[in-house]
Amino acid sequence: MSSQASPEKHNPDSPTAKIHTRPWAATLILTGGVLLLALGMALSISFGAADIKLSVVWKAIFDFNPELTPHQIIWEIRLPRILGGAMVGACFAVAGAIMQGMTRNPLADSGLLGLNAGAGFALAVCFAFFPGLPFMYIIMYSFLGAGLGVLLVYGFGAASKSGLTPLRLVLAGAAVSAMLSALSEGIALYFRIGQDLAFWTAGGVAGTKWSQLEVMFPWVLAALIAGLLISRSITLLSLGEDIAVGLGQRTGLIKLIGLIVVLILAGTAVSVVGAVGFVGLIIPHLTRKLVGVDYRWIIPCSAVMGSLLLVFADLAARMINPPYETPIGALVALIGVPFFLYLARKERRTL
């Protein structure tokens, strides 16, 4: 094997020597994760207010009979919510991975940095001033709201004379998120649209429709493909901007593309599931621990693991207190808040 290794790998000062990756672990996650995801989706479709046998689920998917009530429940209610949850989980996880890689900020997450609150504020404006707006336009407004959140967070965070540290970025994100959330609630109270925004406050995939999936799928697919295409450049950025520039990377262009991808993923996810935070914080860190620091593996593995988290969280949300549903956002926060505190303590020297 030593005769086939490139000279760079023998040089400890080479940038590529710093890239540690475990392709075997990534392959195991992708194959095993997809199988586990299929099992989780089958169980999630089966369990609910009306339990349905797995054999009926199989027949409903591959031999649909519109005259049977269980088949209608599966196709019209449960299948779109499960597919929506899987897509949203992938969106949040990949958005967090790209943000952490581009900024080299271990605390980067769409929920912590104001993207989710910005998208929620845009939804409040839509419901108040443009009722009955098609879902396509709602997604577009979510993109703009997420962009507004990013601009405010980075603007406030960069105003400090000592620079934009990870801690200041998180503090700015918390302040901007609180401000935008308060504005959203004020709009909801004044225009009496609290019921319409309730899903965003709690976070959940109940009520997801096929029409929403048809609109969001092309956006999500395009964003995920774009993320994979720039994954090598993100790996180099994660090693340091000077290293990336020295290796011929157009860092400004890569950051712009990455930001657009993050806005699309976060905006789309929030428009469907609402305020579910910490997915983009937990999953990328766990993925890096398992597969290494090569984003060509981190991004697809994060997508699979993010989908797994949201699908099983949705299943747990319906099983904790049946027939009522526990908000997914609350369940994920039970894991995310302790993880955030642990990570902030671990990274305290660089904050």
Protein backbone atom coordinates (compact mmCIF):
# COMPACT_ATOMS: atom_id res chain seq x y z
CA MET A 1 0.00 0.00 0.00
CA SER A 2 2.88 2.37 0.65
CA SER A 3 4.01 2.20 -2.97
CA GLN A 4 0.57 3.41 -4.10
CA ALA A 5 0.29 6.29 -1.66
CA SER A 6 0.79 9.79 -2.99
CA PRO A 7 3.81 11.79 -1.77
CA GLU A 8 1.45 14.25 -0.08
CA LYS A 9 0.30 11.60 2.36
CA HIS A 10 3.85 11.17 3.63
CA ASN A 11 4.19 14.89 4.25
CA PRO A 12 2.64 15.79 7.62
CA ASP A 13 2.46 19.45 6.58
CA SER A 14 0.44 18.72 3.45
CA PRO A 15 -3.21 19.89 3.57
CA THR A 16 -4.43 16.51 2.37
CA ALA A 17 -2.63 14.85 5.27
CA LYS A 18 -5.11 16.57 7.58
CA ILE A 19 -8.13 15.00 5.87
CA HIS A 20 -9.01 11.88 7.83
CA THR A 21 -11.84 9.83 6.44
CA ARG A 22 -13.40 6.40 6.93
CA PRO A 23 -15.07 5.31 3.66
CA TRP A 24 -16.00 1.94 5.15
CA ALA A 25 -17.96 3.64 7.94
CA ALA A 26 -19.65 5.97 5.46
CA THR A 27 -20.63 3.04 3.24
CA LEU A 28 -22.04 1.21 6.26
CA ILE A 29 -24.05 4.27 7.30
CA LEU A 30 -25.43 4.79 3.80
CA THR A 31 -26.45 1.17 3.25
CA GLY A 32 -27.54 0.34 6.79
CA GLY A 33 -29.11 3.76 7.27
CA VAL A 34 -31.26 3.44 4.16
CA LEU A 35 -32.49 0.02 5.29
CA LEU A 36 -33.20 1.31 8.80
CA LEU A 37 -34.95 4.33 7.29
CA ALA A 38 -37.19 2.06 5.23
CA LEU A 39 -38.03 0.07 8.37
CA GLY A 40 -38.71 3.25 10.34
CA MET A 41 -40.98 4.60 7.63
CA ALA A 42 -42.91 1.32 7.52
CA LEU A 43 -43.37 1.34 11.31
CA SER A 44 -44.33 5.01 11.28
CA ILE A 45 -46.97 4.38 8.63
CA SER A 46 -48.28 1.41 10.59
CA PHE A 47 -48.60 3.01 14.04
CA GLY A 48 -50.98 5.83 14.87
CA ALA A 49 -54.47 6.59 16.07
CA ALA A 50 -55.55 3.64 13.94
CA ASP A 51 -52.94 0.86 13.98
CA ILE A 52 -52.50 -0.80 10.61
CA LYS A 53 -50.71 -4.09 10.00
CA LEU A 54 -47.48 -4.01 8.00
CA SER A 55 -49.02 -6.39 5.48
CA VAL A 56 -51.77 -3.84 4.85
CA VAL A 57 -49.13 -1.11 4.47
CA TRP A 58 -47.36 -3.21 1.85
CA LYS A 59 -50.59 -3.79 -0.09
CA ALA A 60 -51.59 -0.13 0.14
CA ILE A 61 -48.27 1.01 -1.35
CA PHE A 62 -47.96 -1.56 -4.12
CA ASP A 63 -51.62 -2.47 -4.71
CA PHE A 64 -53.63 0.60 -3.73
CA ASN A 65 -57.39 0.19 -3.40
CA PRO A 66 -59.18 3.56 -2.97
CA GLU A 67 -62.28 1.82 -1.62
CA LEU A 68 -60.47 0.59 1.51
CA THR A 69 -60.28 3.04 4.42
CA PRO A 70 -56.85 1.85 5.68
CA HIS A 71 -55.43 2.37 2.18
CA GLN A 72 -56.84 5.90 2.10
CA ILE A 73 -55.35 6.67 5.54
CA ILE A 74 -51.95 5.45 4.38
CA TRP A 75 -51.90 7.31 1.06
CA GLU A 76 -53.62 10.54 2.00
CA ILE A 77 -52.35 11.10 5.56
CA ARG A 78 -49.44 8.97 6.72
CA LEU A 79 -47.29 8.45 3.64
CA PRO A 80 -46.93 12.16 2.77
CA ARG A 81 -46.13 13.09 6.39
CA ILE A 82 -43.46 10.38 6.63
CA LEU A 83 -41.86 11.32 3.32
CA GLY A 84 -42.04 14.98 4.34
CA GLY A 85 -40.34 14.21 7.65
CA ALA A 86 -37.54 12.31 5.91
CA MET A 87 -36.97 15.16 3.45
CA VAL A 88 -37.03 17.80 6.17
CA GLY A 89 -34.56 15.84 8.32
CA ALA A 90 -32.16 15.63 5.38
CA CYS A 91 -32.60 19.37 4.73
CA PHE A 92 -31.78 20.47 8.29
CA ALA A 93 -28.85 18.06 8.63
CA VAL A 94 -27.18 18.94 5.33
CA ALA A 95 -27.75 22.67 5.90
CA GLY A 96 -26.01 22.39 9.27
CA ALA A 97 -23.13 20.37 7.83
CA ILE A 98 -22.50 22.91 5.06
CA MET A 99 -22.71 25.84 7.50
CA GLN A 100 -20.24 24.23 9.91
CA GLY A 101 -17.85 23.35 7.12
CA MET A 102 -17.88 26.78 5.46
CA THR A 103 -17.62 28.83 8.64
CA ARG A 104 -15.48 26.40 10.68
CA ASN A 105 -17.97 27.15 13.45
CA PRO A 106 -18.83 24.06 15.54
CA LEU A 107 -22.05 25.72 16.74
CA ALA A 108 -23.46 26.58 13.31
CA ASP A 109 -27.06 25.46 12.84
CA SER A 110 -30.01 26.94 10.98
CA GLY A 111 -32.01 27.15 14.21
CA LEU A 112 -29.26 28.75 16.27
CA LEU A 113 -28.24 31.27 13.61
CA GLY A 114 -31.63 32.78 12.88
CA LEU A 115 -32.59 31.03 9.63
CA ASN A 116 -35.55 29.18 11.11
CA ALA A 117 -36.87 32.28 12.90
CA GLY A 118 -36.42 34.36 9.73
CA ALA A 119 -38.37 31.83 7.68
CA GLY A 120 -41.07 31.75 10.37
CA PHE A 121 -41.33 35.53 10.29
CA ALA A 122 -41.79 35.37 6.52
CA LEU A 123 -44.57 32.81 7.01
CA ALA A 124 -46.31 35.13 9.47
CA VAL A 125 -46.17 37.94 6.90
CA CYS A 126 -47.57 35.61 4.23
CA PHE A 127 -50.50 34.44 6.37
CA ALA A 128 -51.30 37.99 7.51
CA PHE A 129 -51.04 39.94 4.26
CA PHE A 130 -51.34 37.28 1.54
CA PRO A 131 -53.85 34.68 2.75
CA GLY A 132 -54.43 31.76 0.43
CA LEU A 133 -51.01 32.13 -1.20
CA PRO A 134 -49.94 29.01 -3.17
CA PHE A 135 -47.35 26.84 -1.45
CA MET A 136 -44.73 27.64 -4.11
CA TYR A 137 -44.81 31.31 -3.10
CA ILE A 138 -44.78 30.40 0.58
CA ILE A 139 -41.51 28.53 0.00
CA MET A 140 -40.08 31.54 -1.83
CA TYR A 141 -40.98 33.82 1.08
CA SER A 142 -39.35 31.30 3.44
CA PHE A 143 -36.13 31.58 1.43
CA LEU A 144 -36.23 35.36 1.75
CA GLY A 145 -37.00 35.19 5.47
CA ALA A 146 -34.13 32.79 6.07
CA GLY A 147 -31.85 35.15 4.16
CA LEU A 148 -33.03 38.06 6.31
CA GLY A 149 -32.21 36.08 9.44
CA VAL A 150 -28.68 35.33 8.18
CA LEU A 151 -28.02 38.96 7.25
CA LEU A 152 -29.16 40.21 10.65
CA VAL A 153 -27.17 37.62 12.58
CA TYR A 154 -23.94 38.18 10.69
CA GLY A 155 -24.47 41.94 10.72
CA PHE A 156 -24.91 42.12 14.48
CA GLY A 157 -22.22 39.51 15.13
CA ALA A 158 -19.65 41.29 12.97
CA ALA A 159 -20.31 44.68 14.61
CA SER A 160 -17.98 43.77 17.47
CA LYS A 161 -14.46 45.19 17.23
CA SER A 162 -12.90 41.90 18.31
CA GLY A 163 -14.35 40.00 15.37
CA LEU A 164 -16.97 37.35 14.70
CA THR A 165 -16.24 34.49 17.10
CA PRO A 166 -18.45 31.37 17.30
CA LEU A 167 -19.85 32.51 20.65
CA ARG A 168 -20.76 35.99 19.38
CA LEU A 169 -22.36 34.42 16.33
CA VAL A 170 -24.53 32.18 18.54
CA LEU A 171 -25.43 35.08 20.84
CA ALA A 172 -26.36 37.21 17.82
CA GLY A 173 -28.40 34.28 16.50
CA ALA A 174 -30.26 33.94 19.79
CA ALA A 175 -31.03 37.66 19.89
CA VAL A 176 -32.18 37.82 16.27
CA SER A 177 -34.24 34.63 16.65
CA ALA A 178 -35.96 36.06 19.73
CA MET A 179 -36.67 39.33 17.94
CA LEU A 180 -38.07 37.68 14.80
CA SER A 181 -40.10 35.19 16.85
CA ALA A 182 -41.58 38.07 18.89
CA LEU A 183 -42.48 39.91 15.68
CA SER A 184 -44.10 36.76 14.32
CA GLU A 185 -46.16 36.32 17.47
CA GLY A 186 -47.16 40.00 17.40
CA ILE A 187 -48.35 39.65 13.81
CA ALA A 188 -50.21 36.47 14.74
CA LEU A 189 -52.03 38.21 17.60
CA TYR A 190 -52.87 41.38 15.69
CA PHE A 191 -54.13 39.61 12.57
CA ARG A 192 -55.58 36.64 14.49
CA ILE A 193 -53.61 34.01 12.59
CA GLY A 194 -52.31 32.20 15.68
CA GLN A 195 -53.88 28.93 14.57
CA ASP A 196 -52.14 29.12 11.21
CA LEU A 197 -48.76 29.65 12.88
CA ALA A 198 -49.29 27.07 15.62
CA PHE A 199 -47.61 24.38 13.53
CA TRP A 200 -44.49 26.52 13.16
CA THR A 201 -44.24 27.25 16.89
CA ALA A 202 -44.55 23.59 17.90
CA GLY A 203 -42.92 21.95 14.90
CA GLY A 204 -44.40 18.87 13.29
CA VAL A 205 -45.12 17.08 10.04
CA ALA A 206 -48.83 16.42 10.66
CA GLY A 207 -50.89 17.79 7.82
CA THR A 208 -48.16 17.47 5.18
CA LYS A 209 -49.81 17.01 1.79
CA TRP A 210 -48.76 15.53 -1.53
CA SER A 211 -49.10 18.95 -3.14
CA GLN A 212 -46.48 20.33 -0.74
CA LEU A 213 -44.11 17.44 -1.45
CA GLU A 214 -44.47 17.96 -5.19
CA VAL A 215 -43.40 21.59 -4.80
CA MET A 216 -40.56 21.06 -2.33
CA PHE A 217 -39.00 17.94 -3.90
CA PRO A 218 -37.33 19.66 -6.91
CA TRP A 219 -35.90 22.38 -4.65
CA VAL A 220 -34.57 19.89 -2.12
CA LEU A 221 -33.14 17.59 -4.79
CA ALA A 222 -31.39 20.46 -6.58
CA ALA A 223 -29.96 21.81 -3.31
CA LEU A 224 -28.68 18.39 -2.20
CA ILE A 225 -27.02 17.79 -5.58
CA ALA A 226 -25.42 21.25 -5.44
CA GLY A 227 -24.18 20.49 -1.93
CA LEU A 228 -22.57 17.28 -3.15
CA LEU A 229 -20.95 19.07 -6.08
CA ILE A 230 -19.22 21.59 -3.78
CA SER A 231 -18.48 19.04 -1.04
CA ARG A 232 -14.76 18.78 -1.88
CA SER A 233 -14.40 22.55 -1.76
CA ILE A 234 -16.19 22.65 1.59
CA THR A 235 -13.72 20.08 2.90
CA LEU A 236 -10.85 22.38 1.95
CA LEU A 237 -12.63 25.39 3.48
CA SER A 238 -13.03 23.45 6.71
CA LEU A 239 -9.22 23.17 6.85
CA GLY A 240 -8.85 26.94 6.57
CA GLU A 241 -9.52 29.59 3.95
CA ASP A 242 -5.80 30.16 3.34
CA ILE A 243 -5.33 26.48 2.53
CA ALA A 244 -8.35 26.49 0.21
CA VAL A 245 -7.07 29.58 -1.64
CA GLY A 246 -3.60 28.07 -1.88
CA LEU A 247 -5.11 25.00 -3.56
CA GLY A 248 -6.85 27.15 -6.16
CA GLN A 249 -10.34 27.24 -4.70
CA ARG A 250 -12.59 30.22 -5.48
CA THR A 251 -13.69 30.58 -1.89
CA GLY A 252 -16.04 33.51 -2.50
CA LEU A 253 -17.99 31.60 -5.15
CA ILE A 254 -18.09 28.45 -3.02
CA LYS A 255 -19.42 30.38 -0.02
CA LEU A 256 -22.09 32.03 -2.17
CA ILE A 257 -23.24 28.69 -3.59
CA GLY A 258 -23.15 27.14 -0.13
CA LEU A 259 -25.20 29.98 1.33
CA ILE A 260 -27.82 29.62 -1.42
CA VAL A 261 -27.98 25.87 -0.79
CA VAL A 262 -28.42 26.44 2.97
CA LEU A 263 -31.16 29.03 2.42
CA ILE A 264 -33.05 26.67 0.10
CA LEU A 265 -32.77 23.71 2.47
CA ALA A 266 -33.63 25.63 5.64
CA GLY A 267 -36.38 27.71 4.04
CA THR A 268 -38.04 24.67 2.49
CA ALA A 269 -37.83 22.66 5.70
CA VAL A 270 -39.31 25.42 7.89
CA SER A 271 -42.16 26.04 5.45
CA VAL A 272 -43.21 22.39 5.87
CA VAL A 273 -42.34 21.34 9.42
CA GLY A 274 -41.91 24.59 11.32
CA ALA A 275 -39.42 25.42 14.07
CA VAL A 276 -37.45 22.23 14.64
CA GLY A 277 -33.99 23.13 15.86
CA PHE A 278 -30.76 21.28 16.69
CA VAL A 279 -31.01 18.70 13.87
CA GLY A 280 -28.34 20.58 11.93
CA LEU A 281 -26.20 20.79 15.06
CA ILE A 282 -26.37 17.19 16.27
CA ILE A 283 -26.23 15.20 13.03
CA PRO A 284 -23.14 16.77 11.36
CA HIS A 285 -21.08 16.39 14.56
CA LEU A 286 -22.11 12.76 14.95
CA THR A 287 -21.42 12.12 11.27
CA ARG A 288 -17.92 13.62 11.45
CA LYS A 289 -17.14 11.43 14.45
CA LEU A 290 -18.11 8.36 12.43
CA VAL A 291 -16.86 9.04 8.90
CA GLY A 292 -14.12 11.66 9.29
CA VAL A 293 -13.85 15.20 7.94
CA ASP A 294 -14.33 14.62 4.21
CA TYR A 295 -17.58 16.36 3.24
CA ARG A 296 -17.99 14.13 0.21
CA TRP A 297 -19.04 11.55 2.81
CA ILE A 298 -20.37 13.88 5.51
CA ILE A 299 -23.10 15.43 3.33
CA PRO A 300 -24.79 12.20 2.09
CA CYS A 301 -24.40 10.50 5.48
CA SER A 302 -25.85 13.55 7.23
CA ALA A 303 -28.83 13.45 4.88
CA VAL A 304 -29.53 9.80 5.76
CA MET A 305 -29.02 10.28 9.50
CA GLY A 306 -31.10 13.47 9.55
CA SER A 307 -33.94 11.61 7.85
CA LEU A 308 -33.64 8.82 10.41
CA LEU A 309 -33.83 11.28 13.31
CA LEU A 310 -36.97 13.03 12.06
CA VAL A 311 -38.77 9.82 11.04
CA PHE A 312 -38.20 8.16 14.42
CA ALA A 313 -38.92 11.42 16.27
CA ASP A 314 -42.27 11.61 14.48
CA LEU A 315 -42.96 8.00 15.42
CA ALA A 316 -42.11 8.71 19.06
CA ALA A 317 -44.25 11.86 19.00
CA ARG A 318 -47.30 9.75 18.24
CA MET A 319 -46.52 6.95 20.71
CA ILE A 320 -45.69 8.95 23.86
CA ASN A 321 -49.23 10.12 24.65
CA PRO A 322 -51.71 8.58 22.18
CA PRO A 323 -54.02 9.64 20.65
CA TYR A 324 -52.39 13.08 21.11
CA GLU A 325 -49.16 14.08 19.41
CA THR A 326 -46.13 15.52 21.17
CA PRO A 327 -44.45 18.31 19.16
CA ILE A 328 -41.39 17.00 17.30
CA GLY A 329 -39.53 20.21 18.10
CA ALA A 330 -39.82 19.47 21.82
CA LEU A 331 -38.55 15.90 21.44
CA VAL A 332 -35.53 16.93 19.37
CA ALA A 333 -34.79 19.76 21.82
CA LEU A 334 -34.57 17.22 24.67
CA ILE A 335 -31.54 15.82 22.86
CA GLY A 336 -30.31 19.03 21.28
CA VAL A 337 -30.11 21.32 24.32
CA PRO A 338 -27.83 19.04 26.39
CA PHE A 339 -25.73 18.39 23.28
CA PHE A 340 -25.40 22.14 22.65
CA LEU A 341 -24.34 22.78 26.25
CA TYR A 342 -21.79 19.95 26.06
CA LEU A 343 -20.43 21.26 22.77
CA ALA A 344 -20.24 24.84 24.02
CA ARG A 345 -18.31 23.66 27.09
CA LYS A 346 -16.01 21.50 24.97
CA GLU A 347 -15.25 24.37 22.58
CA ARG A 348 -14.99 27.05 25.29
CA ARG A 349 -11.31 27.70 24.61
CA THR A 350 -12.02 28.82 21.03
CA LEU A 351 -15.19 30.79 21.78
